[in-house]
Amino acid sequence: MKRRVAIILAVMACATLLVAGKNNFVGQDKAKEAGLAFLHTAFELEATEAKVKLGAKPNIAIINGTRIVKESITSGNFYHVSVFDPDANYPYYTAEVNAITGEAYRAQFARRYIKLTDEQKSKADSIGILAGFVDFDFSQYKQDAVDAAKSYAQSRFAANDVIAAVFPQDVKTDSTIFPMVDVDSLILMKSGTVYQITVSWPSLTILDVQILGKD
């Protein structure tokens, strides 16, 4: 029995090496370095340790300022780089790194760490209950979030670039996050780079930054 298990493990190890060689992925150390560097740019996070895991994601395209997800096509594998809260077994910052190129293209902050002030709680209460949100005029609050995304992109990513256009996108909420509301914005830079930035209202916290395309 032990011999059989040893043979199976040896075969699995060989298969793993063959797959890794065929896919030509960058190593986990390089992925961690790229992920932590992007988290530093996106959130000014100072971290040296992270957990790295391989994953896959759908292909995404931007057509006329609209984000299109092609569900049947995968854009390839990526490394999920997670920085854990030292006081809890939960990642509070994560990054995604292209497993082939080694380039980081996404950074996220965990919503559970958002702490609303009394003023923000009062503003959140003003939008009523979830069932009535569909009829609530959220346009001004949405604009506040879009402006926050634009200001953020200008300060973090436009040092050597210029914002060419801003395309407000979806407003999202549900029973798990209400009265928080997520607002997506697409930021097109003059260089051709497209960022999708998700802002959580009412705190105007940056939750998610993705590079969706580059010229």
Protein backbone atom coordinates (compact mmCIF):
# COMPACT_ATOMS: atom_id res chain seq x y z
CA MET A 1 0.00 0.00 0.00
CA LYS A 2 2.79 2.42 0.93
CA ARG A 3 4.57 1.59 -2.32
CA ARG A 4 1.38 2.32 -4.30
CA VAL A 5 0.91 5.67 -2.55
CA ALA A 6 4.55 6.57 -3.21
CA ILE A 7 4.13 5.78 -6.91
CA ILE A 8 0.95 7.87 -7.13
CA LEU A 9 2.64 10.82 -5.42
CA ALA A 10 5.61 10.55 -7.75
CA VAL A 11 3.34 10.56 -10.81
CA MET A 12 1.45 13.59 -9.47
CA ALA A 13 4.71 15.45 -8.85
CA CYS A 14 5.89 14.74 -12.40
CA ALA A 15 2.55 15.88 -13.82
CA THR A 16 2.78 19.12 -11.85
CA LEU A 17 6.26 19.80 -13.19
CA LEU A 18 5.14 19.08 -16.75
CA VAL A 19 2.15 21.42 -16.45
CA ALA A 20 4.25 24.18 -14.91
CA GLY A 21 6.85 23.81 -17.64
CA LYS A 22 4.23 23.82 -20.39
CA ASN A 23 2.48 26.92 -19.06
CA ASN A 24 5.76 28.73 -18.41
CA PHE A 25 4.41 30.54 -15.34
CA VAL A 26 6.55 32.99 -13.42
CA GLY A 27 7.56 31.80 -9.98
CA GLN A 28 5.62 32.56 -6.83
CA ASP A 29 8.43 34.73 -5.47
CA LYS A 30 8.27 37.01 -8.51
CA ALA A 31 4.47 37.09 -8.30
CA LYS A 32 4.63 38.04 -4.63
CA GLU A 33 7.10 40.83 -5.36
CA ALA A 34 4.91 42.25 -8.14
CA GLY A 35 1.73 41.94 -6.07
CA LEU A 36 3.19 43.67 -3.03
CA ALA A 37 4.60 46.45 -5.22
CA PHE A 38 1.17 47.09 -6.75
CA LEU A 39 -0.48 47.06 -3.32
CA HIS A 40 2.04 49.66 -2.23
CA THR A 41 1.15 51.84 -5.23
CA ALA A 42 -2.59 51.34 -4.81
CA PHE A 43 -2.91 51.54 -1.03
CA GLU A 44 0.51 52.64 0.26
CA LEU A 45 0.71 49.26 1.96
CA GLU A 46 4.04 48.45 3.56
CA ALA A 47 4.24 44.66 3.62
CA THR A 48 6.91 42.06 2.98
CA GLU A 49 4.98 38.83 3.54
CA ALA A 50 2.04 37.41 1.60
CA LYS A 51 0.40 34.12 0.71
CA VAL A 52 0.42 33.22 -2.99
CA LYS A 53 -2.08 30.95 -4.77
CA LEU A 54 -2.68 30.15 -8.44
CA GLY A 55 -6.09 30.79 -10.01
CA ALA A 56 -7.89 31.59 -13.30
CA LYS A 57 -10.27 34.34 -14.44
CA PRO A 58 -12.63 35.23 -17.34
CA ASN A 59 -11.62 37.41 -20.26
CA ILE A 60 -12.67 41.08 -20.04
CA ALA A 61 -12.95 43.66 -22.82
CA ILE A 62 -13.84 47.37 -22.85
CA ILE A 63 -16.15 48.36 -25.71
CA ASN A 64 -17.28 52.00 -26.00
CA GLY A 65 -16.57 52.60 -22.34
CA THR A 66 -18.52 49.52 -21.24
CA ARG A 67 -16.96 46.57 -19.41
CA ILE A 68 -17.78 43.31 -21.22
CA VAL A 69 -17.07 39.91 -19.65
CA LYS A 70 -16.71 37.05 -22.12
CA GLU A 71 -17.80 34.22 -19.86
CA SER A 72 -16.73 31.40 -22.18
CA ILE A 73 -13.13 32.57 -22.54
CA THR A 74 -10.43 32.68 -19.88
CA SER A 75 -7.72 35.30 -20.05
CA GLY A 76 -5.26 32.92 -18.45
CA ASN A 77 -3.96 32.04 -15.05
CA PHE A 78 -3.06 34.48 -12.32
CA TYR A 79 -1.50 34.49 -8.88
CA HIS A 80 -3.63 35.64 -5.98
CA VAL A 81 -1.32 37.49 -3.55
CA SER A 82 -2.91 37.95 -0.10
CA VAL A 83 -1.68 40.01 2.84
CA PHE A 84 -3.33 38.82 6.04
CA ASP A 85 -4.47 40.84 9.01
CA PRO A 86 -1.94 40.01 11.75
CA ASP A 87 -4.77 39.92 14.30
CA ALA A 88 -7.10 37.67 12.30
CA ASN A 89 -6.86 34.83 9.82
CA TYR A 90 -8.31 36.95 7.03
CA PRO A 91 -6.72 38.77 4.06
CA TYR A 92 -7.29 42.50 4.22
CA TYR A 93 -5.31 43.33 1.08
CA THR A 94 -5.07 41.21 -2.06
CA ALA A 95 -3.48 41.57 -5.48
CA GLU A 96 -3.71 39.62 -8.72
CA VAL A 97 -0.66 38.99 -10.90
CA ASN A 98 -0.60 37.62 -14.45
CA ALA A 99 1.03 34.20 -14.16
CA ILE A 100 2.68 34.46 -17.59
CA THR A 101 3.95 38.06 -17.67
CA GLY A 102 4.42 38.56 -13.93
CA GLU A 103 2.58 41.91 -14.10
CA ALA A 104 0.20 42.90 -11.31
CA TYR A 105 -3.12 44.25 -12.56
CA ARG A 106 -5.51 44.26 -9.60
CA ALA A 107 -5.47 45.38 -5.96
CA GLN A 108 -8.27 45.05 -3.41
CA PHE A 109 -9.07 46.13 0.14
CA ALA A 110 -11.44 44.02 2.24
CA ARG A 111 -14.78 45.71 2.94
CA ARG A 112 -15.01 44.26 6.44
CA TYR A 113 -12.29 46.70 7.54
CA ILE A 114 -14.28 49.81 6.62
CA LYS A 115 -15.34 51.72 9.74
CA LEU A 116 -18.06 54.30 9.14
CA THR A 117 -17.99 57.56 11.08
CA ASP A 118 -21.16 58.86 12.74
CA GLU A 119 -21.55 61.37 9.90
CA GLN A 120 -21.23 58.62 7.30
CA LYS A 121 -23.73 56.44 9.17
CA SER A 122 -26.19 59.34 9.18
CA LYS A 123 -25.72 59.80 5.44
CA ALA A 124 -26.23 56.07 4.89
CA ASP A 125 -29.45 56.17 6.92
CA SER A 126 -30.77 58.92 4.63
CA ILE A 127 -31.15 56.53 1.68
CA GLY A 128 -33.77 54.50 3.52
CA ILE A 129 -34.20 50.74 3.32
CA LEU A 130 -32.88 48.31 0.72
CA ALA A 131 -36.33 47.59 -0.71
CA GLY A 132 -36.75 51.27 -1.59
CA PHE A 133 -33.25 51.86 -2.93
CA VAL A 134 -34.29 51.28 -6.54
CA ASP A 135 -36.50 54.40 -6.33
CA PHE A 136 -33.97 56.53 -4.45
CA ASP A 137 -32.20 59.31 -6.38
CA PHE A 138 -28.60 58.27 -5.79
CA SER A 139 -27.17 60.44 -8.59
CA GLN A 140 -25.39 63.03 -6.43
CA TYR A 141 -23.91 60.40 -4.13
CA LYS A 142 -22.82 58.44 -7.20
CA GLN A 143 -21.07 61.54 -8.55
CA ASP A 144 -19.24 61.93 -5.24
CA ALA A 145 -17.92 58.38 -5.63
CA VAL A 146 -16.95 58.95 -9.27
CA ASP A 147 -15.09 62.12 -8.27
CA ALA A 148 -13.30 60.16 -5.54
CA ALA A 149 -12.23 57.54 -8.09
CA LYS A 150 -10.95 60.23 -10.46
CA SER A 151 -9.03 61.99 -7.70
CA TYR A 152 -7.57 58.68 -6.58
CA ALA A 153 -6.45 57.74 -10.10
CA GLN A 154 -4.91 61.17 -10.57
CA SER A 155 -2.88 60.90 -7.37
CA ARG A 156 -1.80 57.26 -7.68
CA PHE A 157 -1.47 56.52 -11.39
CA ALA A 158 -1.27 59.80 -13.30
CA ALA A 159 2.13 61.08 -12.15
CA ASN A 160 3.46 60.48 -15.67
CA ASP A 161 0.11 60.36 -17.44
CA VAL A 162 -3.11 62.34 -17.93
CA ILE A 163 -6.73 61.31 -17.41
CA ALA A 164 -8.43 61.45 -20.81
CA ALA A 165 -11.96 60.40 -19.83
CA VAL A 166 -14.05 59.05 -16.96
CA PHE A 167 -16.93 56.64 -17.56
CA PRO A 168 -19.25 56.11 -14.56
CA GLN A 169 -20.42 52.50 -14.42
CA ASP A 170 -22.61 50.38 -12.19
CA VAL A 171 -24.06 51.19 -8.78
CA LYS A 172 -24.33 48.00 -6.74
CA THR A 173 -25.68 47.02 -3.36
CA ASP A 174 -27.44 44.05 -1.80
CA SER A 175 -28.54 42.64 1.53
CA THR A 176 -24.98 41.71 2.51
CA ILE A 177 -23.48 45.21 2.18
CA PHE A 178 -26.41 47.67 2.43
CA PRO A 179 -26.44 50.56 3.35
CA MET A 180 -23.00 50.60 1.74
CA VAL A 181 -23.14 51.08 -2.03
CA ASP A 182 -20.39 50.26 -4.52
CA VAL A 183 -19.79 52.58 -7.47
CA ASP A 184 -17.60 51.52 -10.41
CA SER A 185 -15.79 53.97 -12.68
CA LEU A 186 -13.66 53.38 -15.76
CA ILE A 187 -10.73 55.78 -15.97
CA LEU A 188 -9.14 56.11 -19.41
CA MET A 189 -5.64 57.55 -19.40
CA LYS A 190 -4.09 59.43 -22.32
CA SER A 191 -1.53 56.62 -22.62
CA GLY A 192 -4.38 54.19 -23.35
CA THR A 193 -4.37 52.44 -19.98
CA VAL A 194 -7.86 51.75 -18.60
CA TYR A 195 -8.47 51.43 -14.86
CA GLN A 196 -11.65 50.22 -13.22
CA ILE A 197 -11.96 51.66 -9.73
CA THR A 198 -14.62 50.59 -7.24
CA VAL A 199 -15.50 53.06 -4.48
CA SER A 200 -17.55 52.14 -1.43
CA TRP A 201 -20.10 54.81 -0.45
CA PRO A 202 -20.58 56.57 2.00
CA SER A 203 -17.00 56.23 3.25
CA LEU A 204 -15.63 56.75 -0.30
CA THR A 205 -13.12 54.00 0.40
CA ILE A 206 -11.26 52.53 -2.57
CA LEU A 207 -12.12 48.83 -2.58
CA ASP A 208 -10.87 47.58 -5.92
CA VAL A 209 -8.44 48.81 -8.58
CA GLN A 210 -8.06 46.90 -11.85
CA ILE A 211 -5.99 47.55 -14.95
CA LEU A 212 -8.36 46.39 -17.69
CA GLY A 213 -6.28 47.34 -20.70
CA LYS A 214 -3.09 48.92 -21.97
CA ASP A 215 -2.01 50.17 -25.38
